[in-house]
C-alpha atoms as a PDB file:
ATOM      1  CA  MET A   1     -13.850  -3.277 -11.608  1.00  0.00           C
ATOM      2  CA  ARG A   2     -14.579   0.460 -11.705  1.00  0.00           C
ATOM      3  CA  GLU A   3     -13.279   3.522  -9.904  1.00  0.00           C
ATOM      4  CA  GLY A   4     -14.901   3.672  -6.475  1.00  0.00           C
ATOM      5  CA  ASP A   5     -15.245  -0.116  -6.150  1.00  0.00           C
ATOM      6  CA  VAL A   6     -13.505  -1.871  -3.259  1.00  0.00           C
ATOM      7  CA  PHE A   7     -10.848  -4.215  -4.650  1.00  0.00           C
ATOM      8  CA  PRO A   8     -11.037  -7.777  -3.225  1.00  0.00           C
ATOM      9  CA  ASP A   9      -8.437  -8.567  -0.586  1.00  0.00           C
ATOM     10  CA  LEU A  10      -6.670 -11.138  -2.745  1.00  0.00           C
ATOM     11  CA  ARG A  11      -4.615 -13.743  -0.922  1.00  0.00           C
ATOM     12  CA  LEU A  12      -2.130 -15.534  -3.158  1.00  0.00           C
ATOM     13  CA  PRO A  13       1.295 -17.210  -2.872  1.00  0.00           C
ATOM     14  CA  GLU A  14       4.264 -14.919  -3.450  1.00  0.00           C
ATOM     15  CA  HIS A  15       7.582 -16.004  -4.958  1.00  0.00           C
ATOM     16  CA  THR A  16       8.600 -17.797  -1.729  1.00  0.00           C
ATOM     17  CA  GLY A  17       5.436 -19.907  -1.799  1.00  0.00           C
ATOM     18  CA  ASP A  18       4.049 -18.209   1.321  1.00  0.00           C
ATOM     19  CA  GLU A  19       0.635 -16.594   0.938  1.00  0.00           C
ATOM     20  CA  LEU A  20       0.179 -12.834   1.209  1.00  0.00           C
ATOM     21  CA  SER A  21      -2.961 -10.701   1.088  1.00  0.00           C
ATOM     22  CA  LEU A  22      -3.198  -7.217  -0.380  1.00  0.00           C
ATOM     23  CA  SER A  23      -4.048  -5.823   3.048  1.00  0.00           C
ATOM     24  CA  GLU A  24      -0.886  -7.378   4.486  1.00  0.00           C
ATOM     25  CA  ILE A  25       1.180  -5.820   1.705  1.00  0.00           C
ATOM     26  CA  ALA A  26      -0.430  -2.381   1.963  1.00  0.00           C
ATOM     27  CA  LYS A  27      -0.387  -2.179   5.784  1.00  0.00           C
ATOM     28  CA  ASP A  28      -3.139   0.471   5.856  1.00  0.00           C
ATOM     29  CA  GLU A  29      -1.418   2.570   3.176  1.00  0.00           C
ATOM     30  CA  PRO A  30      -2.380   3.271  -0.460  1.00  0.00           C
ATOM     31  CA  LEU A  31      -1.311   0.496  -2.815  1.00  0.00           C
ATOM     32  CA  LEU A  32      -0.263   0.346  -6.440  1.00  0.00           C
ATOM     33  CA  LEU A  33      -1.239  -3.036  -7.906  1.00  0.00           C
ATOM     34  CA  CYS A  34      -0.442  -4.310 -11.369  1.00  0.00           C
ATOM     35  CA  PHE A  35      -1.458  -7.466 -13.202  1.00  0.00           C
ATOM     36  CA  VAL A  36       1.434  -8.710 -15.309  1.00  0.00           C
ATOM     37  CA  ARG A  37       1.489 -10.763 -18.494  1.00  0.00           C
ATOM     38  CA  GLY A  38       4.512 -12.782 -17.380  1.00  0.00           C
ATOM     39  CA  TRP A  39       8.283 -13.029 -17.305  1.00  0.00           C
ATOM     40  CA  TRP A  40       8.475 -13.691 -21.070  1.00  0.00           C
ATOM     41  CA  CYS A  41       7.163 -10.230 -22.095  1.00  0.00           C
ATOM     42  CA  PRO A  42       9.938  -7.588 -22.456  1.00  0.00           C
ATOM     43  CA  LYS A  43       7.420  -4.730 -22.215  1.00  0.00           C
ATOM     44  CA  GLU A  44       6.310  -6.047 -18.835  1.00  0.00           C
ATOM     45  CA  GLN A  45       9.910  -6.228 -17.635  1.00  0.00           C
ATOM     46  CA  VAL A  46      10.017  -2.458 -18.167  1.00  0.00           C
ATOM     47  CA  ARG A  47       6.527  -1.712 -16.844  1.00  0.00           C
ATOM     48  CA  VAL A  48       6.723  -3.407 -13.448  1.00  0.00           C
ATOM     49  CA  ARG A  49       9.868  -1.649 -12.285  1.00  0.00           C
ATOM     50  CA  GLY A  50       8.862   0.535  -9.377  1.00  0.00           C
ATOM     51  CA  LYS A  51       5.458  -1.020  -8.698  1.00  0.00           C
ATOM     52  CA  ILE A  52       4.497  -2.066  -5.165  1.00  0.00           C
ATOM     53  CA  ALA A  53       2.620  -5.337  -5.779  1.00  0.00           C
ATOM     54  CA  ALA A  54       2.357  -7.503  -8.890  1.00  0.00           C
ATOM     55  CA  VAL A  55       0.143 -10.465  -9.796  1.00  0.00           C
ATOM     56  CA  THR A  56       1.103 -12.891 -12.576  1.00  0.00           C
ATOM     57  CA  VAL A  57      -0.150 -16.211 -13.947  1.00  0.00           C
ATOM     58  CA  ASP A  58       3.300 -17.760 -13.391  1.00  0.00           C
ATOM     59  CA  GLU A  59       4.175 -20.208 -10.631  1.00  0.00           C
ATOM     60  CA  PRO A  60       6.071 -18.916  -7.563  1.00  0.00           C
ATOM     61  CA  TYR A  61       9.384 -20.400  -8.783  1.00  0.00           C
ATOM     62  CA  VAL A  62       9.196 -18.466 -12.051  1.00  0.00           C
ATOM     63  CA  ASN A  63       8.089 -15.308 -10.235  1.00  0.00           C
ATOM     64  CA  GLY A  64      11.170 -15.574  -8.026  1.00  0.00           C
ATOM     65  CA  ALA A  65      13.419 -15.551 -11.094  1.00  0.00           C
ATOM     66  CA  PHE A  66      11.411 -12.736 -12.724  1.00  0.00           C
ATOM     67  CA  ARG A  67      11.562 -10.654  -9.536  1.00  0.00           C
ATOM     68  CA  ALA A  68      15.305 -11.168  -9.115  1.00  0.00           C
ATOM     69  CA  GLY A  69      15.981 -10.513 -12.794  1.00  0.00           C
ATOM     70  CA  ILE A  70      14.560  -6.976 -12.673  1.00  0.00           C
ATOM     71  CA  GLY A  71      15.897  -6.234  -9.178  1.00  0.00           C
ATOM     72  CA  ALA A  72      12.430  -5.835  -7.630  1.00  0.00           C
ATOM     73  CA  ASP A  73      11.991  -5.634  -3.863  1.00  0.00           C
ATOM     74  CA  PHE A  74       8.183  -5.848  -3.760  1.00  0.00           C
ATOM     75  CA  PRO A  75       5.872  -8.903  -3.673  1.00  0.00           C
ATOM     76  CA  PHE A  76       5.095 -10.914  -6.810  1.00  0.00           C
ATOM     77  CA  LEU A  77       1.899 -12.895  -6.284  1.00  0.00           C
ATOM     78  CA  SER A  78       1.089 -16.017  -8.278  1.00  0.00           C
ATOM     79  CA  ASP A  79      -2.403 -16.784  -9.610  1.00  0.00           C
ATOM     80  CA  GLU A  80      -1.968 -19.811 -11.831  1.00  0.00           C
ATOM     81  CA  GLN A  81      -5.749 -20.340 -11.816  1.00  0.00           C
ATOM     82  CA  ARG A  82      -6.198 -16.890 -13.446  1.00  0.00           C
ATOM     83  CA  SER A  83      -9.130 -16.046 -11.172  1.00  0.00           C
ATOM     84  CA  SER A  84      -8.206 -12.601  -9.870  1.00  0.00           C
ATOM     85  CA  GLY A  85      -7.895 -10.417 -12.967  1.00  0.00           C
ATOM     86  CA  PRO A  86      -8.996  -9.943 -16.584  1.00  0.00           C
ATOM     87  CA  ILE A  87      -7.421 -12.264 -19.153  1.00  0.00           C
ATOM     88  CA  GLU A  88      -5.853 -11.172 -22.434  1.00  0.00           C
ATOM     89  CA  VAL A  89      -8.071 -13.406 -24.573  1.00  0.00           C
ATOM     90  CA  THR A  90      -6.201 -12.715 -27.833  1.00  0.00           C
ATOM     91  CA  ASP A  91      -3.056 -14.443 -26.489  1.00  0.00           C
ATOM     92  CA  ARG A  92      -4.194 -18.068 -26.570  1.00  0.00           C
ATOM     93  CA  LYS A  93      -0.696 -19.430 -26.062  1.00  0.00           C
ATOM     94  CA  HIS A  94       0.065 -17.860 -22.677  1.00  0.00           C
ATOM     95  CA  ARG A  95      -3.432 -16.824 -21.498  1.00  0.00           C
ATOM     96  CA  PRO A  96      -1.892 -14.024 -19.442  1.00  0.00           C
ATOM     97  CA  PHE A  97      -3.554 -11.268 -17.463  1.00  0.00           C
ATOM     98  CA  LEU A  98      -4.272  -8.054 -19.269  1.00  0.00           C
ATOM     99  CA  PRO A  99      -1.575  -5.630 -18.094  1.00  0.00           C
ATOM    100  CA  MET A 100      -3.818  -3.625 -15.782  1.00  0.00           C
ATOM    101  CA  THR A 101      -2.660  -1.128 -13.165  1.00  0.00           C
ATOM    102  CA  TYR A 102      -4.901  -0.206 -10.236  1.00  0.00           C
ATOM    103  CA  LEU A 103      -4.301   2.619  -7.793  1.00  0.00           C
ATOM    104  CA  LEU A 104      -5.976   1.788  -4.458  1.00  0.00           C
ATOM    105  CA  ASP A 105      -6.472   3.969  -1.409  1.00  0.00           C
ATOM    106  CA  SER A 106      -5.919   2.642   2.112  1.00  0.00           C
ATOM    107  CA  ARG A 107      -9.411   1.079   2.099  1.00  0.00           C
ATOM    108  CA  ARG A 108      -8.588  -0.691  -1.206  1.00  0.00           C
ATOM    109  CA  ARG A 109     -11.045   1.533  -3.065  1.00  0.00           C
ATOM    110  CA  VAL A 110     -10.059   1.846  -6.709  1.00  0.00           C
ATOM    111  CA  ARG A 111      -8.929   5.404  -7.441  1.00  0.00           C
ATOM    112  CA  GLY A 112      -7.321   4.929 -10.836  1.00  0.00           C
ATOM    113  CA  ILE A 113      -7.307   2.294 -13.598  1.00  0.00           C
ATOM    114  CA  TRP A 114      -4.953   1.981 -16.561  1.00  0.00           C
ATOM    115  CA  CYS A 115      -4.824  -0.733 -19.242  1.00  0.00           C
ATOM    116  CA  GLY A 116      -1.437  -1.356 -20.855  1.00  0.00           C
ATOM    117  CA  PHE A 117      -2.577  -3.575 -23.727  1.00  0.00           C
ATOM    118  CA  TRP A 118      -0.891  -0.849 -25.729  1.00  0.00           C
ATOM    119  CA  PHE A 119       2.265   0.040 -23.813  1.00  0.00           C
ATOM    120  CA  TRP A 120       1.581   3.790 -23.737  1.00  0.00           C
ATOM    121  CA  GLY A 121      -1.718   3.040 -22.022  1.00  0.00           C
ATOM    122  CA  ASN A 122       0.272   2.432 -18.829  1.00  0.00           C
ATOM    123  CA  PRO A 123       0.368   5.255 -16.249  1.00  0.00           C
ATOM    124  CA  THR A 124       3.293   7.633 -16.196  1.00  0.00           C
ATOM    125  CA  PRO A 125       5.219   8.195 -12.939  1.00  0.00           C
ATOM    126  CA  GLU A 126       3.710  11.682 -12.810  1.00  0.00           C
ATOM    127  CA  GLU A 127       0.150  10.332 -13.077  1.00  0.00           C
ATOM    128  CA  LEU A 128       0.841   7.935 -10.218  1.00  0.00           C
ATOM    129  CA  ARG A 129       2.424  10.679  -8.117  1.00  0.00           C
ATOM    130  CA  GLN A 130      -0.592  12.918  -8.668  1.00  0.00           C
ATOM    131  CA  GLY A 131      -2.970  10.089  -7.756  1.00  0.00           C
ATOM    132  CA  LEU A 132      -1.088   9.202  -4.574  1.00  0.00           C
ATOM    133  CA  ARG A 133      -0.934  12.880  -3.653  1.00  0.00           C
ATOM    134  CA  GLU A 134      -4.723  13.221  -3.892  1.00  0.00           C
ATOM    135  CA  ILE A 135      -5.278  10.112  -1.779  1.00  0.00           C
ATOM    136  CA  THR A 136      -2.879  11.383   0.870  1.00  0.00           C
ATOM    137  CA  ARG A 137      -4.474  14.828   0.815  1.00  0.00           C
ATOM    138  CA  GLU A 138      -7.863  13.227   1.561  1.00  0.00           C
ATOM    139  CA  GLU A 139      -6.704  10.707   4.160  1.00  0.00           C
ATOM    140  CA  GLN A 140      -4.023  12.629   6.071  1.00  0.00           C
ATOM    141  CA  PRO A 141      -4.871  16.037   7.593  1.00  0.00           C
ATOM    142  CA  THR A 142      -1.142  16.619   8.047  1.00  0.00           C
ATOM    143  CA  PHE A 143      -0.860  17.025   4.287  1.00  0.00           C
ATOM    144  CA  ASP A 144      -1.209  20.646   5.499  1.00  0.00           C
ATOM    145  CA  PRO A 145       0.807  20.203   8.710  1.00  0.00           C
ATOM    146  CA  LEU A 146       1.145  23.836   9.793  1.00  0.00           C
ATOM    147  CA  ARG A 147      -2.621  24.338   9.770  1.00  0.00           C
ATOM    148  CA  VAL A 148      -3.295  21.093  11.646  1.00  0.00           C
ATOM    149  CA  TRP A 149      -0.617  21.765  14.261  1.00  0.00           C
ATOM    150  CA  ALA A 150      -1.981  25.280  14.817  1.00  0.00           C
ATOM    151  CA  GLU A 151      -5.744  24.680  14.589  1.00  0.00           C
ATOM    152  CA  GLY A 152      -6.268  20.926  14.876  1.00  0.00           C
ATOM    153  CA  ALA A 153      -8.037  18.650  12.410  1.00  0.00           C
ATOM    154  CA  PRO A 154     -11.827  18.328  11.986  1.00  0.00           C
ATOM    155  CA  PRO A 155     -13.400  15.494  14.031  1.00  0.00           C
ATOM    156  CA  ALA A 156     -13.040  12.126  12.301  1.00  0.00           C
ATOM    157  CA  GLU A 157     -16.224  10.757  10.750  1.00  0.00           C
ATOM    158  CA  GLU A 158     -14.977   7.152  10.918  1.00  0.00           C
ATOM    159  CA  PRO A 159     -12.922   5.356  13.611  1.00  0.00           C
ATOM    160  CA  VAL A 160      -9.239   6.260  13.221  1.00  0.00           C
ATOM    161  CA  TRP A 161      -6.014   5.936  15.171  1.00  0.00           C
ATOM    162  CA  ILE A 162      -3.859   9.076  15.335  1.00  0.00           C
ATOM    163  CA  ARG A 163      -0.143   8.994  16.084  1.00  0.00           C
ATOM    164  CA  GLU A 164       1.092  12.116  17.865  1.00  0.00           C
ATOM    165  CA  ASP A 165       4.392  13.557  19.069  1.00  0.00           C
ATOM    166  CA  PRO A 166       5.016  14.197  22.803  1.00  0.00           C
ATOM    167  CA  ASP A 167       3.370  17.625  22.477  1.00  0.00           C
ATOM    168  CA  GLY A 168       0.183  16.181  20.966  1.00  0.00           C
ATOM    169  CA  ASN A 169       0.896  17.247  17.379  1.00  0.00           C
ATOM    170  CA  GLU A 170      -0.562  14.855  14.813  1.00  0.00           C
ATOM    171  CA  ILE A 171       1.905  12.883  12.674  1.00  0.00           C
ATOM    172  CA  GLN A 172      -0.164  10.278  10.845  1.00  0.00           C
ATOM    173  CA  ARG A 173      -3.548   8.565  11.038  1.00  0.00           C
ATOM    174  CA  GLY A 174      -5.191   5.438   9.700  1.00  0.00           C
ATOM    175  CA  PHE A 175      -8.586   3.755   9.739  1.00  0.00           C
ATOM    176  CA  PHE A 176      -9.271   1.573  12.782  1.00  0.00           C
ATOM    177  CA  ASP A 177     -11.008  -1.690  11.884  1.00  0.00           C
ATOM    178  CA  GLY A 178     -10.772  -3.508  15.197  1.00  0.00           C
ATOM    179  CA  ASP A 179     -13.666  -4.958  17.189  1.00  0.00           C
ATOM    180  CA  GLY A 180     -14.409  -2.415  19.907  1.00  0.00           C
ATOM    181  CA  PHE A 181     -12.299   0.576  20.833  1.00  0.00           C
ATOM    182  CA  PRO A 182      -9.138   0.062  22.912  1.00  0.00           C
ATOM    183  CA  SER A 183      -8.769   1.625  26.343  1.00  0.00           C
ATOM    184  CA  GLU A 184      -6.246   4.132  27.624  1.00  0.00           C
ATOM    185  CA  GLY A 185      -2.925   2.389  28.199  1.00  0.00           C
ATOM    186  CA  ASP A 186      -3.483  -0.289  25.544  1.00  0.00           C
ATOM    187  CA  GLU A 187      -0.779  -0.933  22.947  1.00  0.00           C
ATOM    188  CA  LEU A 188      -1.674  -0.263  19.325  1.00  0.00           C
ATOM    189  CA  GLY A 189       1.319  -0.824  17.082  1.00  0.00           C
ATOM    190  CA  GLU A 190       5.069  -0.345  17.219  1.00  0.00           C
ATOM    191  CA  SER A 191       7.715   1.541  15.290  1.00  0.00           C
ATOM    192  CA  PHE A 192      11.491   1.428  15.652  1.00  0.00           C
ATOM    193  CA  GLY A 193      11.238  -0.675  18.820  1.00  0.00           C
ATOM    194  CA  ARG A 194       8.871   1.610  20.754  1.00  0.00           C
ATOM    195  CA  LYS A 195       5.198   0.870  21.380  1.00  0.00           C
ATOM    196  CA  TRP A 196       2.353   3.171  20.444  1.00  0.00           C
ATOM    197  CA  ILE A 197       0.106   3.566  23.502  1.00  0.00           C
ATOM    198  CA  VAL A 198      -3.485   4.823  23.665  1.00  0.00           C
ATOM    199  CA  HIS A 199      -3.445   7.997  25.767  1.00  0.00           C
ATOM    200  CA  ARG A 200      -6.868   9.400  24.865  1.00  0.00           C
ATOM    201  CA  VAL A 201     -10.086   8.295  23.138  1.00  0.00           C
ATOM    202  CA  GLU A 202     -12.454  10.994  21.857  1.00  0.00           C
ATOM    203  CA  GLY A 203     -15.418  10.243  19.616  1.00  0.00           C
ATOM    204  CA  ASN A 204     -14.078   8.274  16.653  1.00  0.00           C
ATOM    205  CA  GLU A 205     -10.460   9.137  17.435  1.00  0.00           C
ATOM    206  CA  ILE A 206      -7.889   6.952  19.193  1.00  0.00           C
ATOM    207  CA  HIS A 207      -4.932   9.169  20.095  1.00  0.00           C
ATOM    208  CA  LEU A 208      -1.560   7.438  20.427  1.00  0.00           C
ATOM    209  CA  CYS A 209       1.815   8.424  21.840  1.00  0.00           C
ATOM    210  CA  LYS A 210       5.065   6.482  22.063  1.00  0.00           C
ATOM    211  CA  ARG A 211       6.109   4.742  25.254  1.00  0.00           C
ATOM    212  CA  GLY A 212       9.634   5.119  26.558  1.00  0.00           C
ATOM    213  CA  GLN A 213      12.439   7.590  26.121  1.00  0.00           C
ATOM    214  CA  ALA A 214      12.871   9.383  22.816  1.00  0.00           C
ATOM    215  CA  ASP A 215      15.917   8.385  20.794  1.00  0.00           C
ATOM    216  CA  THR A 216      18.457  11.201  20.936  1.00  0.00           C
ATOM    217  CA  SER A 217      21.353   9.363  19.272  1.00  0.00           C
ATOM    218  CA  ARG A 218      22.717  10.165  15.828  1.00  0.00           C
ATOM    219  CA  ASP A 219      22.069   6.588  14.641  1.00  0.00           C
ATOM    220  CA  VAL A 220      19.687   5.989  11.750  1.00  0.00           C
ATOM    221  CA  LYS A 221      16.911   3.706  12.969  1.00  0.00           C
ATOM    222  CA  HIS A 222      15.347   2.704   9.664  1.00  0.00           C
ATOM    223  CA  HIS A 223      16.355   0.655   6.625  1.00  0.00           C
ATOM    224  CA  LEU A 224      14.883   2.909   3.955  1.00  0.00           C
ATOM    225  CA  THR A 225      16.941   3.564   0.849  1.00  0.00           C
ATOM    226  CA  ALA A 226      16.587   5.967  -2.029  1.00  0.00           C
ATOM    227  CA  PRO A 227      15.138   4.303  -5.148  1.00  0.00           C
ATOM    228  CA  ARG A 228      17.462   3.641  -8.051  1.00  0.00           C
ATOM    229  CA  ALA A 229      17.135   6.041 -10.964  1.00  0.00           C
END
């Protein structure tokens, strides 16, 4: 696997035993994926804190204990067949994955690769932040929101959906991979209990607005929390 390659959409059982694919985890967003030696490695218990998706050679039951033990809230996928990543051939006892970290954009294209065979080969939080910033800068015109709201964004070269506020200002966009474009009035997603409705289709762009009355209450409508230090 090299930078620029499209990472396979792996589908593996998570710690509950239910199968999950990378595309289901990422939900059209960039993804940080790491292959993990296993629960028994103390260096890995440090490394995987803060990652978004992890793949190990352990069974789902063991992954559940590993995940709970480090307080993780992201998926741990189990590949006991060792078919999805490179193997650390010098460890003949465990035959674990090499501790690889892959930074993927929203199309699962590889944008960064780090090998943690030596622990300091792992990416720093700053390297990951810089990588995610560059992906977002390329994929989201509203990385420069004042310019986009004043001048508009260049026409999309590939099919995209664009979520807009009631005044038509762009909020966020993502690649549209459906079969055939939707029509005006069709539903295309939901957030916080309100549907996103197609209100205009132009070229490769599907423009969306929310149906229903805007929420004017003081109540918080999400379950996001600040990460632990």
